[in-house]
Protein backbone atom coordinates (compact mmCIF):
# COMPACT_ATOMS: atom_id res chain seq x y z
CA MET A 1 -0.07 -0.10 -0.39
CA ALA A 2 1.50 3.17 -0.67
CA ARG A 3 1.51 6.09 1.84
CA SER A 4 1.09 9.48 1.56
CA GLU A 5 4.89 10.17 1.89
CA ASP A 6 5.69 7.78 -1.33
CA PRO A 7 5.21 10.56 -3.97
CA ILE A 8 7.78 13.11 -2.31
CA ALA A 9 10.38 10.50 -1.40
CA GLN A 10 10.52 9.58 -4.50
CA TRP A 11 10.64 12.99 -5.70
CA MET A 12 13.42 13.69 -3.35
CA VAL A 13 15.12 10.60 -4.81
CA ASP A 14 14.90 11.90 -8.34
CA ARG A 15 15.99 15.38 -7.50
CA VAL A 16 19.43 14.22 -5.64
CA HIS A 17 20.13 11.95 -8.52
CA GLU A 18 19.32 15.05 -10.81
CA LEU A 19 21.86 17.17 -8.97
CA GLY A 20 24.42 14.70 -8.20
CA ARG A 21 24.39 15.84 -4.54
CA CYS A 22 21.91 17.89 -2.25
CA SER A 23 22.35 19.14 0.78
CA ARG A 24 19.22 19.25 3.35
CA VAL A 25 18.05 22.90 3.80
CA ASP A 26 18.12 22.88 -0.07
CA LEU A 27 16.09 19.92 -0.86
CA LEU A 28 13.49 20.80 1.95
CA ALA A 29 13.44 24.26 0.19
CA ASP A 30 12.79 22.24 -3.13
CA VAL A 31 9.97 19.96 -1.39
CA VAL A 32 8.22 23.10 0.05
CA THR A 33 8.65 24.85 -3.81
CA GLU A 34 7.25 21.61 -4.96
CA PHE A 35 4.68 20.32 -2.34
CA GLY A 36 3.80 23.21 -0.38
CA PRO A 37 4.90 23.95 3.25
CA ARG A 38 6.83 22.00 5.54
CA ALA A 39 8.48 22.87 8.92
CA GLU A 40 10.90 19.73 8.44
CA LEU A 41 11.57 16.53 6.32
CA GLU A 42 9.55 14.36 9.03
CA ARG A 43 10.94 10.62 10.29
CA PRO A 44 8.10 9.49 7.99
CA LEU A 45 9.10 10.89 4.67
CA MET A 46 12.73 10.17 5.62
CA ASN A 47 12.13 6.43 6.14
CA SER A 48 10.30 6.46 2.62
CA PHE A 49 13.29 8.25 1.33
CA ARG A 50 15.94 5.30 2.56
CA PHE A 51 13.54 2.70 1.35
CA LEU A 52 13.31 4.23 -1.93
CA HIS A 53 16.42 5.00 -2.86
CA ARG A 54 17.80 1.50 -1.90
CA GLY A 55 21.48 2.52 -1.55
CA THR A 56 21.99 4.60 -4.52
CA ILE A 57 22.10 7.58 -2.41
CA ARG A 58 24.07 8.30 0.54
CA TRP A 59 24.86 10.93 3.21
CA ILE A 60 28.07 12.74 3.92
CA PRO A 61 28.02 13.82 7.28
CA ALA A 62 30.92 16.13 6.98
CA GLY A 63 29.54 18.24 4.39
CA ALA A 64 26.06 17.66 5.67
CA TYR A 65 24.73 16.28 2.29
CA TRP A 66 23.11 13.43 0.21
CA GLN A 67 25.24 12.34 -2.53
CA SER A 68 23.84 9.90 -5.56
CA ASN A 69 26.14 7.22 -6.32
CA LEU A 70 25.28 7.70 -9.89
CA VAL A 71 26.67 10.96 -10.40
CA ALA A 72 28.58 9.39 -13.45
CA SER A 73 25.69 8.54 -15.48
CA ALA A 74 23.61 11.05 -14.63
CA THR A 75 26.84 13.98 -15.76
CA GLY A 76 26.84 12.07 -18.99
CA SER A 77 30.73 10.47 -18.12
CA THR A 78 31.43 7.91 -20.84
CA GLY A 79 33.34 5.54 -18.39
CA PRO A 80 35.85 5.79 -14.99
CA ARG A 81 38.79 6.98 -16.88
CA GLN A 82 39.84 8.92 -19.87
CA LEU A 83 42.76 9.52 -21.45
CA SER A 84 45.19 12.47 -21.45
CA HIS A 85 45.72 12.36 -24.43
CA SER A 86 43.62 11.49 -27.90
CA VAL A 87 44.71 8.61 -29.84
CA THR A 88 44.33 9.76 -33.46
CA ASP A 89 45.21 6.75 -35.45
CA GLU A 90 45.93 3.09 -35.29
CA LYS A 91 49.97 3.74 -35.10
CA ASP A 92 49.28 6.04 -32.09
CA LEU A 93 47.29 3.28 -30.55
CA THR A 94 49.97 0.93 -31.14
CA THR A 95 52.72 3.16 -29.77
CA VAL A 96 50.36 3.73 -26.57
CA VAL A 97 49.69 -0.08 -26.25
CA SER A 98 53.38 -0.72 -26.54
CA ALA A 99 54.32 1.29 -23.83
CA VAL A 100 51.56 0.40 -21.37
CA ASP A 101 53.53 -3.41 -22.13
CA ALA A 102 56.67 -2.32 -21.84
CA SER A 103 55.82 -0.82 -18.39
CA HIS A 104 54.06 -3.84 -17.28
CA SER A 105 56.77 -6.31 -17.86
CA ARG A 106 59.65 -4.18 -15.98
CA ARG A 107 57.39 -3.96 -13.04
CA ASN A 108 56.93 -8.22 -13.24
CA ARG A 109 60.40 -8.75 -13.31
């Protein structure tokens, strides 16, 4: 059975994922703007929020904000690491691969 807090909690989850991170004050201000006046983020609402995000959002106590664990996908990142330079042709790629192989073989001696 759906609780009355669930639509607001789902909106909060979507908002944190959209922004990447969001402080408690900012999130409360956004909830007030979207759903009407509230004095605080009540316990039933926060329980729904925790249940709905299912570990995809974490609380950062030092900064007092929630951070999405899905930031890379939200920001359009293509992967965890990018080369510091572009490989423009097959010869460049072969050179890069050879240099990496040589580096690995020196370390494994």
